[in-house]
C-alpha cells in the first residue's frame, strides 16, 4: 500500500515539479516502486522534466473520466523501470477533474506502487486541493523569500483542514524543503536564512537544496537532476531528503559542489 506525498507550495516557480521528479527518481533508485502524478492541468510540465512528453497518449483526466485505464496512461521511465509518470492534460480544463474520479485513481495507485508523489499546482485553488486531499505526507517547497514563505503558511493551514486525514481528526505529516538556497547570500541578508524560514513556518526540515545550474541543465535535457547528475550538490541534497522521508534520522546538510571538497553541516535534525 503506497504512501501518498503531495509536493506543494503557495507560490509558483519555487521548484515543485523539479522536486517531484528528483524525489521520485531518488526513491526509485533506492529500489522503491514509484509513480509521479501531474495535477497541474493545463500547464503540465512534469512530462517535460521527466523527458516523456512525446510518449503521452492518455492523461490523468482521461483516467478520471473513464476514457482510459490507469495502465494505458502510465508511462514507464526508460532509465529507471520502477519509476512511472501519470501526466496531466495540456488542453483540458481543471474542472474536468472530479473528486470521485480522483479518489478512484488514487486508490488504484495505492495498490500498485510503494510511493505516489503528486505534483500540485501552486496556490489554494481547486486543483491544489484535489492534489493534497488524499496525501499522507506533504513536502512544502519554499524559496528563502518572504512572499514564498508567507504563501507556504497558507498551504499549511489547508493541509491541516482540507484533507481526508484532517476530516478524520488526523494530520498530514508535513516536511519543509527549502530550494535555491545560497548560504553566502543569506549571510549577507540578501535572502532569508534557513533559521528564519523555520521560525516562521515551524515545520520539520526535510532538506535544503542549494542554488545550482545543474538543476536547470537537467531540466533542459529532460531528466530529474538525481538521474542526470547524481553526484551534483542538489542531487545529493535530494537523495538525503529521500532518506529522511524513508524514516532515517540524519542531520540536514547543505551539500557543496564536489570541487569544494566539503559539505557544510547545517546542524538540524530532519523531519
C-alpha atoms as a PDB file:
ATOM      1  CA  UNK A   1       0.000   0.000   0.000  1.00  0.00           C
ATOM      2  CA  UNK A   2       1.602   3.231  -1.179  1.00  0.00           C
ATOM      3  CA  UNK A   3       2.383   6.317   0.834  1.00  0.00           C
ATOM      4  CA  UNK A   4       0.983   9.364  -0.934  1.00  0.00           C
ATOM      5  CA  UNK A   5       3.041  12.563  -0.878  1.00  0.00           C
ATOM      6  CA  UNK A   6       1.805  15.890  -2.201  1.00  0.00           C
ATOM      7  CA  UNK A   7       4.570  18.255  -3.314  1.00  0.00           C
ATOM      8  CA  UNK A   8       3.028  21.659  -2.804  1.00  0.00           C
ATOM      9  CA  UNK A   9       3.614  25.387  -2.330  1.00  0.00           C
ATOM     10  CA  UNK A  10       1.643  28.572  -2.193  1.00  0.00           C
ATOM     11  CA  UNK A  11       3.809  30.401  -4.723  1.00  0.00           C
ATOM     12  CA  UNK A  12       4.597  29.278  -8.244  1.00  0.00           C
ATOM     13  CA  UNK A  13       8.106  28.901  -9.622  1.00  0.00           C
ATOM     14  CA  UNK A  14       9.695  27.592  -6.433  1.00  0.00           C
ATOM     15  CA  UNK A  15      10.644  24.193  -7.846  1.00  0.00           C
ATOM     16  CA  UNK A  16       7.711  21.865  -7.130  1.00  0.00           C
ATOM     17  CA  UNK A  17       7.903  19.996 -10.426  1.00  0.00           C
ATOM     18  CA  UNK A  18      11.692  19.729 -10.276  1.00  0.00           C
ATOM     19  CA  UNK A  19      11.354  18.443  -6.721  1.00  0.00           C
ATOM     20  CA  UNK A  20       8.648  15.897  -7.607  1.00  0.00           C
ATOM     21  CA  UNK A  21      10.822  14.474 -10.395  1.00  0.00           C
ATOM     22  CA  UNK A  22      14.013  14.493  -8.309  1.00  0.00           C
ATOM     23  CA  UNK A  23      12.462  12.866  -5.236  1.00  0.00           C
ATOM     24  CA  UNK A  24      10.580  10.313  -7.330  1.00  0.00           C
ATOM     25  CA  UNK A  25      13.722   9.302  -9.201  1.00  0.00           C
ATOM     26  CA  UNK A  26      15.768   9.132  -5.985  1.00  0.00           C
ATOM     27  CA  UNK A  27      13.172   6.869  -4.355  1.00  0.00           C
ATOM     28  CA  UNK A  28      13.161   4.660  -7.447  1.00  0.00           C
ATOM     29  CA  UNK A  29      16.987   4.452  -7.387  1.00  0.00           C
ATOM     30  CA  UNK A  30      16.602   3.160  -3.821  1.00  0.00           C
ATOM     31  CA  UNK A  31      14.540   0.258  -5.170  1.00  0.00           C
ATOM     32  CA  UNK A  32      11.070   1.677  -4.444  1.00  0.00           C
ATOM     33  CA  UNK A  33       8.210   1.335  -6.950  1.00  0.00           C
ATOM     34  CA  UNK A  34       7.219   4.945  -7.606  1.00  0.00           C
ATOM     35  CA  UNK A  35       4.549   6.868  -9.537  1.00  0.00           C
ATOM     36  CA  UNK A  36       4.687  10.640 -10.037  1.00  0.00           C
ATOM     37  CA  UNK A  37       1.371  12.307 -10.901  1.00  0.00           C
ATOM     38  CA  UNK A  38       0.971  15.719 -12.532  1.00  0.00           C
ATOM     39  CA  UNK A  39      -2.059  17.598 -11.159  1.00  0.00           C
ATOM     40  CA  UNK A  40      -1.181  20.867 -12.923  1.00  0.00           C
ATOM     41  CA  UNK A  41      -3.853  20.558 -15.607  1.00  0.00           C
ATOM     42  CA  UNK A  42      -3.393  22.991 -18.484  1.00  0.00           C
ATOM     43  CA  UNK A  43       0.175  23.868 -17.511  1.00  0.00           C
ATOM     44  CA  UNK A  44       1.692  20.413 -17.379  1.00  0.00           C
ATOM     45  CA  UNK A  45       5.473  20.361 -17.073  1.00  0.00           C
ATOM     46  CA  UNK A  46       6.265  17.134 -15.256  1.00  0.00           C
ATOM     47  CA  UNK A  47       6.352  15.158 -18.519  1.00  0.00           C
ATOM     48  CA  UNK A  48       8.904  17.671 -19.886  1.00  0.00           C
ATOM     49  CA  UNK A  49      11.121  17.490 -16.812  1.00  0.00           C
ATOM     50  CA  UNK A  50      10.931  13.678 -16.985  1.00  0.00           C
ATOM     51  CA  UNK A  51      11.638  13.661 -20.727  1.00  0.00           C
ATOM     52  CA  UNK A  52       8.500  11.737 -21.754  1.00  0.00           C
ATOM     53  CA  UNK A  53       6.446  14.483 -23.421  1.00  0.00           C
ATOM     54  CA  UNK A  54       6.448  12.702 -26.801  1.00  0.00           C
ATOM     55  CA  UNK A  55       5.158   9.475 -25.256  1.00  0.00           C
ATOM     56  CA  UNK A  56       1.964  10.958 -23.762  1.00  0.00           C
ATOM     57  CA  UNK A  57      -1.149   9.305 -25.254  1.00  0.00           C
ATOM     58  CA  UNK A  58      -3.586   9.341 -22.337  1.00  0.00           C
ATOM     59  CA  UNK A  59      -3.501  11.553 -19.240  1.00  0.00           C
ATOM     60  CA  UNK A  60      -4.928  11.945 -15.739  1.00  0.00           C
ATOM     61  CA  UNK A  61      -8.223  13.397 -16.965  1.00  0.00           C
ATOM     62  CA  UNK A  62      -8.730  10.503 -19.412  1.00  0.00           C
ATOM     63  CA  UNK A  63      -8.360   8.068 -16.486  1.00  0.00           C
ATOM     64  CA  UNK A  64     -10.545  10.136 -14.138  1.00  0.00           C
ATOM     65  CA  UNK A  65     -13.322  10.268 -16.739  1.00  0.00           C
ATOM     66  CA  UNK A  66     -13.053   6.571 -17.613  1.00  0.00           C
ATOM     67  CA  UNK A  67     -11.806   7.127 -21.159  1.00  0.00           C
ATOM     68  CA  UNK A  68      -8.621   5.125 -20.447  1.00  0.00           C
ATOM     69  CA  UNK A  69      -7.398   2.572 -17.921  1.00  0.00           C
ATOM     70  CA  UNK A  70      -4.687   3.646 -15.488  1.00  0.00           C
ATOM     71  CA  UNK A  71      -2.225   1.245 -17.109  1.00  0.00           C
ATOM     72  CA  UNK A  72      -2.816   2.879 -20.504  1.00  0.00           C
ATOM     73  CA  UNK A  73      -1.905   6.340 -19.190  1.00  0.00           C
ATOM     74  CA  UNK A  74       1.088   5.460 -17.001  1.00  0.00           C
ATOM     75  CA  UNK A  75       4.439   5.964 -18.763  1.00  0.00           C
ATOM     76  CA  UNK A  76       7.371   3.922 -17.512  1.00  0.00           C
ATOM     77  CA  UNK A  77      10.727   5.721 -17.334  1.00  0.00           C
ATOM     78  CA  UNK A  78      13.272   4.183 -19.729  1.00  0.00           C
ATOM     79  CA  UNK A  79      16.194   4.918 -17.379  1.00  0.00           C
ATOM     80  CA  UNK A  80      14.586   3.561 -14.225  1.00  0.00           C
ATOM     81  CA  UNK A  81      11.999   0.821 -14.798  1.00  0.00           C
ATOM     82  CA  UNK A  82      10.355   1.132 -11.366  1.00  0.00           C
ATOM     83  CA  UNK A  83       9.538   4.832 -11.955  1.00  0.00           C
ATOM     84  CA  UNK A  84       6.293   5.785 -13.770  1.00  0.00           C
ATOM     85  CA  UNK A  85       4.585   9.074 -14.593  1.00  0.00           C
ATOM     86  CA  UNK A  86       0.894   9.870 -14.944  1.00  0.00           C
ATOM     87  CA  UNK A  87       0.860  13.102 -16.993  1.00  0.00           C
ATOM     88  CA  UNK A  88      -1.673  15.924 -16.832  1.00  0.00           C
ATOM     89  CA  UNK A  89      -3.730  17.147 -19.744  1.00  0.00           C
ATOM     90  CA  UNK A  90      -2.393  20.214 -21.530  1.00  0.00           C
ATOM     91  CA  UNK A  91      -5.641  21.074 -23.278  1.00  0.00           C
ATOM     92  CA  UNK A  92      -8.424  20.339 -20.819  1.00  0.00           C
ATOM     93  CA  UNK A  93      -9.860  22.460 -18.022  1.00  0.00           C
ATOM     94  CA  UNK A  94      -9.057  21.552 -14.416  1.00  0.00           C
ATOM     95  CA  UNK A  95     -12.840  21.390 -13.767  1.00  0.00           C
ATOM     96  CA  UNK A  96     -12.734  18.070 -15.640  1.00  0.00           C
ATOM     97  CA  UNK A  97     -11.137  16.583 -12.504  1.00  0.00           C
ATOM     98  CA  UNK A  98     -13.845  15.231 -10.211  1.00  0.00           C
ATOM     99  CA  UNK A  99     -13.354  14.364  -6.549  1.00  0.00           C
ATOM    100  CA  UNK A 100     -14.879  10.910  -7.116  1.00  0.00           C
ATOM    101  CA  UNK A 101     -12.673  10.213 -10.107  1.00  0.00           C
ATOM    102  CA  UNK A 102      -9.514  11.318  -8.296  1.00  0.00           C
ATOM    103  CA  UNK A 103     -10.407   9.112  -5.316  1.00  0.00           C
ATOM    104  CA  UNK A 104     -10.746   6.082  -7.607  1.00  0.00           C
ATOM    105  CA  UNK A 105      -7.409   6.778  -9.324  1.00  0.00           C
ATOM    106  CA  UNK A 106      -5.573   7.316  -6.038  1.00  0.00           C
ATOM    107  CA  UNK A 107      -6.987   4.061  -4.617  1.00  0.00           C
ATOM    108  CA  UNK A 108      -5.702   2.205  -7.672  1.00  0.00           C
ATOM    109  CA  UNK A 109      -2.286   3.885  -7.450  1.00  0.00           C
ATOM    110  CA  UNK A 110      -2.033   2.954  -3.759  1.00  0.00           C
ATOM    111  CA  UNK A 111      -2.452  -0.709  -4.689  1.00  0.00           C
ATOM    112  CA  UNK A 112       0.165  -0.680  -7.458  1.00  0.00           C
ATOM    113  CA  UNK A 113       3.048   1.376  -6.007  1.00  0.00           C
ATOM    114  CA  UNK A 114       5.160   1.920  -2.871  1.00  0.00           C
ATOM    115  CA  UNK A 115       5.153   5.710  -3.221  1.00  0.00           C
ATOM    116  CA  UNK A 116       2.882   8.109  -5.125  1.00  0.00           C
ATOM    117  CA  UNK A 117       4.126  11.706  -5.499  1.00  0.00           C
ATOM    118  CA  UNK A 118       1.526  14.294  -6.551  1.00  0.00           C
ATOM    119  CA  UNK A 119       2.871  17.437  -8.233  1.00  0.00           C
ATOM    120  CA  UNK A 120       0.370  20.086  -7.130  1.00  0.00           C
ATOM    121  CA  UNK A 121      -0.425  23.318  -8.947  1.00  0.00           C
ATOM    122  CA  UNK A 122       0.606  26.392  -6.967  1.00  0.00           C
ATOM    123  CA  UNK A 123      -1.897  28.214  -4.798  1.00  0.00           C
ATOM    124  CA  UNK A 124      -5.028  27.209  -2.942  1.00  0.00           C
ATOM    125  CA  UNK A 125      -7.485  26.686  -5.794  1.00  0.00           C
ATOM    126  CA  UNK A 126      -9.417  23.523  -6.559  1.00  0.00           C
ATOM    127  CA  UNK A 127      -6.584  21.719  -8.366  1.00  0.00           C
ATOM    128  CA  UNK A 128      -4.277  22.169  -5.389  1.00  0.00           C
ATOM    129  CA  UNK A 129      -6.991  20.967  -3.008  1.00  0.00           C
ATOM    130  CA  UNK A 130      -7.575  17.821  -5.076  1.00  0.00           C
ATOM    131  CA  UNK A 131      -3.832  17.128  -5.189  1.00  0.00           C
ATOM    132  CA  UNK A 132      -3.461  17.311  -1.405  1.00  0.00           C
ATOM    133  CA  UNK A 133      -6.766  15.674  -0.354  1.00  0.00           C
ATOM    134  CA  UNK A 134      -5.516  12.050  -0.248  1.00  0.00           C
ATOM    135  CA  UNK A 135      -1.992  12.827   0.989  1.00  0.00           C
ATOM    136  CA  UNK A 136      -0.321  11.040   3.894  1.00  0.00           C
ATOM    137  CA  UNK A 137       2.710  13.347   3.703  1.00  0.00           C
ATOM    138  CA  UNK A 138       3.287  16.836   2.294  1.00  0.00           C
ATOM    139  CA  UNK A 139       6.575  18.261   1.073  1.00  0.00           C
ATOM    140  CA  UNK A 140       6.128  22.036   1.282  1.00  0.00           C
ATOM    141  CA  UNK A 141       8.545  23.650  -1.148  1.00  0.00           C
ATOM    142  CA  UNK A 142       9.628  27.220  -0.468  1.00  0.00           C
ATOM    143  CA  UNK A 143      12.320  29.624  -1.602  1.00  0.00           C
ATOM    144  CA  UNK A 144      14.035  31.714   1.083  1.00  0.00           C
ATOM    145  CA  UNK A 145      11.928  34.768   0.182  1.00  0.00           C
ATOM    146  CA  UNK A 146       9.281  36.488   2.290  1.00  0.00           C
ATOM    147  CA  UNK A 147       6.484  36.101  -0.289  1.00  0.00           C
ATOM    148  CA  UNK A 148       7.191  32.396  -0.806  1.00  0.00           C
ATOM    149  CA  UNK A 149       7.294  31.695   2.926  1.00  0.00           C
ATOM    150  CA  UNK A 150       4.095  33.680   3.551  1.00  0.00           C
ATOM    151  CA  UNK A 151       2.234  31.704   0.879  1.00  0.00           C
ATOM    152  CA  UNK A 152       3.560  28.428   2.297  1.00  0.00           C
ATOM    153  CA  UNK A 153       1.931  29.321   5.604  1.00  0.00           C
ATOM    154  CA  UNK A 154      -1.455  29.382   3.849  1.00  0.00           C
ATOM    155  CA  UNK A 155      -0.803  25.928   2.408  1.00  0.00           C
ATOM    156  CA  UNK A 156      -0.010  24.594   5.879  1.00  0.00           C
ATOM    157  CA  UNK A 157      -3.406  25.819   7.045  1.00  0.00           C
ATOM    158  CA  UNK A 158      -5.118  23.967   4.201  1.00  0.00           C
ATOM    159  CA  UNK A 159      -3.208  20.757   4.915  1.00  0.00           C
ATOM    160  CA  UNK A 160      -4.500  20.933   8.485  1.00  0.00           C
ATOM    161  CA  UNK A 161      -8.119  21.481   7.454  1.00  0.00           C
ATOM    162  CA  UNK A 162      -8.939  20.395   3.880  1.00  0.00           C
ATOM    163  CA  UNK A 163      -7.586  16.849   3.572  1.00  0.00           C
ATOM    164  CA  UNK A 164      -9.086  13.402   4.143  1.00  0.00           C
ATOM    165  CA  UNK A 165      -6.819  12.969   7.153  1.00  0.00           C
ATOM    166  CA  UNK A 166      -8.000  16.283   8.641  1.00  0.00           C
ATOM    167  CA  UNK A 167     -11.628  15.170   8.228  1.00  0.00           C
ATOM    168  CA  UNK A 168     -10.798  12.061  10.319  1.00  0.00           C
ATOM    169  CA  UNK A 169      -9.064  14.107  13.023  1.00  0.00           C
ATOM    170  CA  UNK A 170      -5.612  13.033  11.813  1.00  0.00           C
ATOM    171  CA  UNK A 171      -2.730  15.054  10.426  1.00  0.00           C
ATOM    172  CA  UNK A 172      -0.847  15.035   7.161  1.00  0.00           C
ATOM    173  CA  UNK A 173       2.829  14.651   8.050  1.00  0.00           C
ATOM    174  CA  UNK A 174       4.431  17.875   6.864  1.00  0.00           C
ATOM    175  CA  UNK A 175       8.041  18.350   5.712  1.00  0.00           C
ATOM    176  CA  UNK A 176       9.691  21.609   4.676  1.00  0.00           C
ATOM    177  CA  UNK A 177      12.053  21.719   1.697  1.00  0.00           C
ATOM    178  CA  UNK A 178      13.982  24.955   1.109  1.00  0.00           C
ATOM    179  CA  UNK A 179      15.089  25.341  -2.511  1.00  0.00           C
ATOM    180  CA  UNK A 180      17.521  27.660  -4.321  1.00  0.00           C
ATOM    181  CA  UNK A 181      19.395  28.339  -1.095  1.00  0.00           C
ATOM    182  CA  UNK A 182      22.674  30.247  -1.163  1.00  0.00           C
ATOM    183  CA  UNK A 183      24.412  30.381   2.252  1.00  0.00           C
ATOM    184  CA  UNK A 184      26.648  33.300   1.169  1.00  0.00           C
ATOM    185  CA  UNK A 185      23.645  35.446   0.149  1.00  0.00           C
ATOM    186  CA  UNK A 186      21.824  34.501   3.344  1.00  0.00           C
ATOM    187  CA  UNK A 187      24.889  35.626   5.336  1.00  0.00           C
ATOM    188  CA  UNK A 188      24.721  38.989   3.524  1.00  0.00           C
ATOM    189  CA  UNK A 189      20.982  39.251   4.386  1.00  0.00           C
ATOM    190  CA  UNK A 190      20.094  39.101   0.694  1.00  0.00           C
ATOM    191  CA  UNK A 191      17.680  36.237   1.377  1.00  0.00           C
ATOM    192  CA  UNK A 192      16.097  34.680   4.437  1.00  0.00           C
ATOM    193  CA  UNK A 193      18.239  32.267   6.397  1.00  0.00           C
ATOM    194  CA  UNK A 194      17.016  28.712   6.968  1.00  0.00           C
ATOM    195  CA  UNK A 195      16.585  29.608  10.641  1.00  0.00           C
ATOM    196  CA  UNK A 196      14.284  32.497   9.640  1.00  0.00           C
ATOM    197  CA  UNK A 197      12.151  30.191   7.468  1.00  0.00           C
ATOM    198  CA  UNK A 198      11.907  27.561  10.196  1.00  0.00           C
ATOM    199  CA  UNK A 199      10.935  30.160  12.796  1.00  0.00           C
ATOM    200  CA  UNK A 200       8.073  31.416  10.604  1.00  0.00           C
ATOM    201  CA  UNK A 201       6.687  28.070   9.417  1.00  0.00           C
ATOM    202  CA  UNK A 202       7.536  25.708  12.318  1.00  0.00           C
ATOM    203  CA  UNK A 203       7.584  22.657  10.060  1.00  0.00           C
ATOM    204  CA  UNK A 204      10.335  19.997  10.322  1.00  0.00           C
ATOM    205  CA  UNK A 205      13.052  20.415   7.734  1.00  0.00           C
ATOM    206  CA  UNK A 206      13.473  17.564   5.235  1.00  0.00           C
ATOM    207  CA  UNK A 207      16.151  19.188   3.091  1.00  0.00           C
ATOM    208  CA  UNK A 208      17.946  22.242   1.766  1.00  0.00           C
ATOM    209  CA  UNK A 209      18.555  22.323  -1.981  1.00  0.00           C
ATOM    210  CA  UNK A 210      21.457  24.631  -2.869  1.00  0.00           C
ATOM    211  CA  UNK A 211      21.193  27.028  -5.789  1.00  0.00           C
ATOM    212  CA  UNK A 212      22.892  25.299  -8.740  1.00  0.00           C
ATOM    213  CA  UNK A 213      22.900  25.465 -12.519  1.00  0.00           C
ATOM    214  CA  UNK A 214      22.877  21.643 -12.509  1.00  0.00           C
ATOM    215  CA  UNK A 215      19.108  21.744 -11.848  1.00  0.00           C
ATOM    216  CA  UNK A 216      18.447  23.811 -14.978  1.00  0.00           C
ATOM    217  CA  UNK A 217      20.834  21.700 -17.069  1.00  0.00           C
ATOM    218  CA  UNK A 218      18.997  18.534 -16.006  1.00  0.00           C
ATOM    219  CA  UNK A 219      15.578  20.024 -16.817  1.00  0.00           C
ATOM    220  CA  UNK A 220      16.812  21.101 -20.241  1.00  0.00           C
ATOM    221  CA  UNK A 221      17.767  17.526 -21.124  1.00  0.00           C
ATOM    222  CA  UNK A 222      14.502  16.096 -19.771  1.00  0.00           C
ATOM    223  CA  UNK A 223      15.866  14.285 -16.740  1.00  0.00           C
ATOM    224  CA  UNK A 224      15.480  14.592 -12.960  1.00  0.00           C
ATOM    225  CA  UNK A 225      18.692  16.010 -11.505  1.00  0.00           C
ATOM    226  CA  UNK A 226      19.009  12.886  -9.334  1.00  0.00           C
ATOM    227  CA  UNK A 227      19.362  10.826 -12.545  1.00  0.00           C
ATOM    228  CA  UNK A 228      21.160  13.318 -14.808  1.00  0.00           C
ATOM    229  CA  UNK A 229      23.778  14.472 -12.290  1.00  0.00           C
ATOM    230  CA  UNK A 230      23.617  12.202  -9.214  1.00  0.00           C
ATOM    231  CA  UNK A 231      26.936  13.497  -7.825  1.00  0.00           C
ATOM    232  CA  UNK A 232      25.900  17.158  -8.044  1.00  0.00           C
ATOM    233  CA  UNK A 233      25.155  19.143  -4.890  1.00  0.00           C
ATOM    234  CA  UNK A 234      21.368  19.427  -5.483  1.00  0.00           C
ATOM    235  CA  UNK A 235      21.087  15.718  -6.347  1.00  0.00           C
ATOM    236  CA  UNK A 236      22.867  14.756  -3.141  1.00  0.00           C
ATOM    237  CA  UNK A 237      20.570  17.085  -1.185  1.00  0.00           C
ATOM    238  CA  UNK A 238      17.504  15.459  -2.737  1.00  0.00           C
ATOM    239  CA  UNK A 239      18.938  11.990  -2.028  1.00  0.00           C
ATOM    240  CA  UNK A 240      19.377  12.957   1.631  1.00  0.00           C
ATOM    241  CA  UNK A 241      15.801  14.273   1.739  1.00  0.00           C
ATOM    242  CA  UNK A 242      14.545  10.923   0.431  1.00  0.00           C
ATOM    243  CA  UNK A 243      16.425   9.067   3.179  1.00  0.00           C
ATOM    244  CA  UNK A 244      14.614  11.253   5.732  1.00  0.00           C
ATOM    245  CA  UNK A 245      11.239  10.593   4.069  1.00  0.00           C
ATOM    246  CA  UNK A 246      12.033   6.878   4.325  1.00  0.00           C
ATOM    247  CA  UNK A 247      12.489   7.326   8.056  1.00  0.00           C
ATOM    248  CA  UNK A 248      16.244   7.771   8.567  1.00  0.00           C
ATOM    249  CA  UNK A 249      17.227  10.247  11.276  1.00  0.00           C
ATOM    250  CA  UNK A 250      20.200  12.060   9.745  1.00  0.00           C
ATOM    251  CA  UNK A 251      21.428  15.655  10.119  1.00  0.00           C
ATOM    252  CA  UNK A 252      20.384  18.124   7.433  1.00  0.00           C
ATOM    253  CA  UNK A 253      23.356  19.283   5.383  1.00  0.00           C
ATOM    254  CA  UNK A 254      23.816  21.749   2.541  1.00  0.00           C
ATOM    255  CA  UNK A 255      25.891  19.755   0.063  1.00  0.00           C
ATOM    256  CA  UNK A 256      28.582  21.757  -1.716  1.00  0.00           C
ATOM    257  CA  UNK A 257      29.890  21.224  -5.227  1.00  0.00           C
ATOM    258  CA  UNK A 258      32.500  18.453  -5.130  1.00  0.00           C
ATOM    259  CA  UNK A 259      35.241  20.745  -6.329  1.00  0.00           C
ATOM    260  CA  UNK A 260      34.980  22.411  -2.899  1.00  0.00           C
ATOM    261  CA  UNK A 261      35.761  19.085  -1.174  1.00  0.00           C
ATOM    262  CA  UNK A 262      33.366  19.779   1.695  1.00  0.00           C
ATOM    263  CA  UNK A 263      29.765  19.982   2.651  1.00  0.00           C
ATOM    264  CA  UNK A 264      28.544  22.383   5.249  1.00  0.00           C
ATOM    265  CA  UNK A 265      26.697  20.891   8.168  1.00  0.00           C
ATOM    266  CA  UNK A 266      23.591  22.830   8.963  1.00  0.00           C
ATOM    267  CA  UNK A 267      23.143  21.071  12.279  1.00  0.00           C
ATOM    268  CA  UNK A 268      19.388  20.420  12.169  1.00  0.00           C
ATOM    269  CA  UNK A 269      17.730  17.087  12.614  1.00  0.00           C
ATOM    270  CA  UNK A 270      15.497  16.068   9.746  1.00  0.00           C
ATOM    271  CA  UNK A 271      11.762  15.512   9.865  1.00  0.00           C
END
